[in-house]
Amino acid sequence: MSENTLRSRRRQQTRAEIHQRAVDLVLERGFAAVTVEDIAQAAGVAPRTFFNYFPTKQEAIFPGPPSLDPLDVEEFINGTNPLVTDLRTLVSNYAKLGPQVRKQMLQLRPILADQPDIWVQMHKRFGQAENEFAHAIARRRGRDEPSSEDRAIAAITTGILRASMRCWSLAEEPQAPEPLNQIVERNFAALELLTGDR
């Protein structure tokens, strides 16, 4: 594992810790009663460090989809299966979110309804995720920058992720919903049937 990969993973872990502490505090005290300083203290970091990861309190609570795992990206780039098959594996690994995350989403939904500007940030984060997929596809194909075709495939991939997350978050089985990565697998299987890429 390269030093860059280790550094990236450490950053992801710190980002996840700040996010978790932000969610815990908001659920305990309410959105208005929580400050950036409160979140930083609970996460064991300085406020300056907080701002290295999140520009606002809102984005720490509702960060949208995380960055791709660098190791999963490298495995995808070096994959030998059909492109759609390896994309399915990449997104499925990315979508291994547990019931606790879904519970968080349901608990925070009323807060989200009162913070419409957060939707703008979440859409922006999905756009960033789409760009990450596009660059991973380009690298797999030996290009430094994504082509229009790479970006189209990335847009379809992100669309599948969005649709899967919507089904997962709105499912009616609050106690034991189908895992998100299984929904992703099923939706990619439908795409493979359409394209004949199996």
Protein backbone atom coordinates (compact mmCIF):
# COMPACT_ATOMS: atom_id res chain seq x y z
CA MET A 1 0.00 0.00 0.00
CA SER A 2 1.48 3.35 -1.06
CA GLU A 3 2.03 6.27 1.30
CA ASN A 4 -0.51 8.31 -0.68
CA THR A 5 -3.12 5.58 -0.24
CA LEU A 6 -2.47 5.39 3.51
CA ARG A 7 -2.70 9.16 3.81
CA SER A 8 -5.96 9.19 1.86
CA ARG A 9 -7.42 6.51 4.12
CA ARG A 10 -6.42 8.40 7.25
CA ARG A 11 -8.12 11.52 5.89
CA GLN A 12 -11.27 9.51 5.17
CA GLN A 13 -11.25 8.14 8.73
CA THR A 14 -10.87 11.62 10.24
CA ARG A 15 -13.61 12.97 7.99
CA ALA A 16 -15.93 10.11 9.01
CA GLU A 17 -15.21 10.72 12.71
CA ILE A 18 -16.03 14.43 12.44
CA HIS A 19 -19.23 13.62 10.58
CA GLN A 20 -20.32 11.05 13.18
CA ARG A 21 -19.72 13.41 16.07
CA ALA A 22 -21.66 16.15 14.25
CA VAL A 23 -24.63 13.82 13.74
CA ASP A 24 -24.54 12.66 17.37
CA LEU A 25 -24.57 16.23 18.68
CA VAL A 26 -27.37 17.40 16.38
CA LEU A 27 -29.56 14.45 17.33
CA GLU A 28 -28.86 15.16 21.01
CA ARG A 29 -29.20 18.96 21.04
CA GLY A 30 -30.85 20.04 17.81
CA PHE A 31 -29.31 21.75 14.77
CA ALA A 32 -29.29 25.34 16.06
CA ALA A 33 -27.69 24.43 19.41
CA VAL A 34 -24.57 22.84 17.89
CA THR A 35 -21.54 24.88 16.81
CA VAL A 36 -18.47 24.04 14.78
CA GLU A 37 -16.44 24.34 17.99
CA ASP A 38 -18.70 21.76 19.66
CA ILE A 39 -18.23 19.31 16.81
CA ALA A 40 -14.46 19.81 16.69
CA GLN A 41 -14.14 19.25 20.44
CA ALA A 42 -16.26 16.07 20.31
CA ALA A 43 -14.14 14.75 17.42
CA GLY A 44 -10.88 15.59 19.19
CA VAL A 45 -9.65 18.02 16.54
CA ALA A 46 -9.05 21.76 16.37
CA PRO A 47 -11.65 23.97 14.65
CA ARG A 48 -9.01 24.72 12.01
CA THR A 49 -8.76 20.99 11.31
CA PHE A 50 -12.55 20.81 11.07
CA PHE A 51 -12.47 23.38 8.26
CA ASN A 52 -9.85 21.32 6.42
CA TYR A 53 -12.58 18.71 5.96
CA PHE A 54 -15.86 20.64 5.94
CA PRO A 55 -16.43 24.29 5.04
CA THR A 56 -19.64 24.53 7.12
CA LYS A 57 -21.53 22.84 9.94
CA GLN A 58 -24.27 21.84 7.48
CA GLU A 59 -21.82 19.94 5.31
CA ALA A 60 -20.37 18.09 8.29
CA ILE A 61 -23.85 16.83 9.17
CA PHE A 62 -24.97 16.09 5.58
CA PRO A 63 -21.74 15.52 3.63
CA GLY A 64 -23.29 13.50 0.81
CA PRO A 65 -21.52 10.46 -0.64
CA PRO A 66 -17.89 9.97 0.50
CA SER A 67 -14.87 9.72 -1.78
CA LEU A 68 -14.06 6.41 -3.41
CA ASP A 69 -11.68 4.14 -1.51
CA PRO A 70 -8.26 4.43 -3.22
CA LEU A 71 -7.65 0.67 -2.97
CA ASP A 72 -10.99 -0.11 -4.61
CA VAL A 73 -10.18 2.38 -7.37
CA GLU A 74 -6.82 0.72 -8.04
CA GLU A 75 -8.48 -2.71 -8.20
CA PHE A 76 -11.00 -1.34 -10.68
CA ILE A 77 -8.33 0.26 -12.85
CA ASN A 78 -6.40 -3.02 -12.99
CA GLY A 79 -9.51 -5.18 -13.42
CA THR A 80 -9.77 -7.68 -16.26
CA ASN A 81 -13.53 -8.34 -16.27
CA PRO A 82 -15.90 -6.44 -18.58
CA LEU A 83 -16.07 -2.76 -17.65
CA VAL A 84 -19.66 -2.87 -16.36
CA THR A 85 -18.88 -5.91 -14.20
CA ASP A 86 -15.92 -4.21 -12.54
CA LEU A 87 -17.91 -0.99 -12.14
CA ARG A 88 -20.58 -2.99 -10.35
CA THR A 89 -17.93 -4.33 -7.94
CA LEU A 90 -16.50 -0.82 -7.38
CA VAL A 91 -19.90 0.71 -6.63
CA SER A 92 -21.05 -2.28 -4.57
CA ASN A 93 -17.97 -1.98 -2.34
CA TYR A 94 -18.57 1.78 -2.14
CA ALA A 95 -22.16 1.18 -1.04
CA LYS A 96 -21.48 -1.07 1.95
CA LEU A 97 -23.34 1.16 4.36
CA GLY A 98 -24.90 -0.51 7.36
CA PRO A 99 -28.36 -0.15 8.95
CA GLN A 100 -26.96 2.43 11.37
CA VAL A 101 -26.28 4.84 8.49
CA ARG A 102 -29.83 4.39 7.21
CA LYS A 103 -31.17 4.99 10.72
CA GLN A 104 -29.16 8.21 10.83
CA MET A 105 -30.63 9.32 7.52
CA LEU A 106 -34.17 8.74 8.76
CA GLN A 107 -33.49 10.55 12.05
CA LEU A 108 -31.96 13.54 10.29
CA ARG A 109 -34.65 13.85 7.62
CA PRO A 110 -36.72 16.43 9.59
CA ILE A 111 -33.59 18.56 10.05
CA LEU A 112 -32.80 18.27 6.35
CA ALA A 113 -36.31 19.48 5.50
CA ASP A 114 -35.59 22.70 7.41
CA GLN A 115 -32.22 23.26 5.69
CA PRO A 116 -32.94 23.47 1.93
CA ASP A 117 -29.48 24.80 1.15
CA ILE A 118 -28.09 21.41 2.17
CA TRP A 119 -29.71 19.87 -0.89
CA VAL A 120 -27.47 22.06 -3.06
CA GLN A 121 -24.38 20.71 -1.30
CA MET A 122 -25.56 17.11 -1.65
CA HIS A 123 -26.13 17.53 -5.39
CA LYS A 124 -22.67 19.07 -5.66
CA ARG A 125 -21.15 16.09 -3.83
CA PHE A 126 -22.85 13.65 -6.19
CA GLY A 127 -21.32 15.63 -9.05
CA GLN A 128 -17.90 15.23 -7.45
CA ALA A 129 -18.50 11.49 -7.06
CA GLU A 130 -19.43 11.29 -10.74
CA ASN A 131 -16.17 13.04 -11.60
CA GLU A 132 -14.24 10.50 -9.51
CA PHE A 133 -15.90 7.65 -11.41
CA ALA A 134 -15.08 9.34 -14.72
CA HIS A 135 -11.38 9.68 -13.85
CA ALA A 136 -11.22 6.05 -12.66
CA ILE A 137 -12.76 4.89 -15.95
CA ALA A 138 -10.32 7.06 -17.92
CA ARG A 139 -7.31 5.68 -16.04
CA ARG A 140 -8.49 2.13 -16.66
CA ARG A 141 -8.57 2.97 -20.38
CA GLY A 142 -5.10 4.51 -20.30
CA ARG A 143 -6.15 8.16 -20.44
CA ASP A 144 -5.10 11.03 -18.20
CA GLU A 145 -8.40 12.85 -18.63
CA PRO A 146 -11.91 11.45 -19.13
CA SER A 147 -13.40 11.43 -22.61
CA SER A 148 -17.05 12.27 -23.25
CA GLU A 149 -17.77 8.52 -23.31
CA ASP A 150 -16.03 8.05 -19.93
CA ARG A 151 -18.14 10.84 -18.47
CA ALA A 152 -21.33 9.35 -19.92
CA ILE A 153 -20.56 5.98 -18.30
CA ALA A 154 -19.77 7.76 -15.02
CA ALA A 155 -23.09 9.61 -15.18
CA ILE A 156 -24.97 6.33 -15.64
CA THR A 157 -23.00 4.80 -12.76
CA THR A 158 -23.83 7.72 -10.46
CA GLY A 159 -27.46 7.52 -11.54
CA ILE A 160 -27.58 3.87 -10.46
CA LEU A 161 -26.04 4.81 -7.11
CA ARG A 162 -28.55 7.64 -6.60
CA ALA A 163 -31.51 5.42 -7.49
CA SER A 164 -30.24 2.65 -5.22
CA MET A 165 -29.77 5.05 -2.29
CA ARG A 166 -33.28 6.42 -2.81
CA CYS A 167 -34.80 2.93 -2.74
CA TRP A 168 -32.71 2.05 0.32
CA SER A 169 -33.57 5.16 2.33
CA LEU A 170 -37.29 4.97 1.54
CA ALA A 171 -37.72 1.23 2.08
CA GLU A 172 -40.57 0.36 4.41
CA GLU A 173 -38.70 -2.27 6.48
CA PRO A 174 -37.24 0.02 9.18
CA GLN A 175 -35.79 -2.85 11.18
CA ALA A 176 -34.06 -4.90 8.50
CA PRO A 177 -33.89 -3.15 5.12
CA GLU A 178 -32.15 -4.79 2.19
CA PRO A 179 -28.45 -3.78 2.28
CA LEU A 180 -27.62 -0.89 -0.07
CA ASN A 181 -24.88 -2.82 -1.85
CA GLN A 182 -27.37 -5.58 -2.70
CA ILE A 183 -29.70 -3.02 -4.28
CA VAL A 184 -26.72 -1.71 -6.27
CA GLU A 185 -25.88 -5.24 -7.41
CA ARG A 186 -29.45 -5.82 -8.61
CA ASN A 187 -29.62 -2.51 -10.47
CA PHE A 188 -26.28 -3.14 -12.18
CA ALA A 189 -27.48 -6.62 -13.16
CA ALA A 190 -30.39 -4.94 -14.96
CA LEU A 191 -27.91 -2.69 -16.80
CA GLU A 192 -25.82 -5.70 -17.81
CA LEU A 193 -28.91 -7.38 -19.26
CA LEU A 194 -29.60 -4.28 -21.33
CA THR A 195 -26.04 -4.00 -22.62
CA GLY A 196 -25.30 -7.71 -22.94
CA ASP A 197 -22.16 -7.09 -20.83
CA ARG A 198 -22.16 -10.17 -18.59
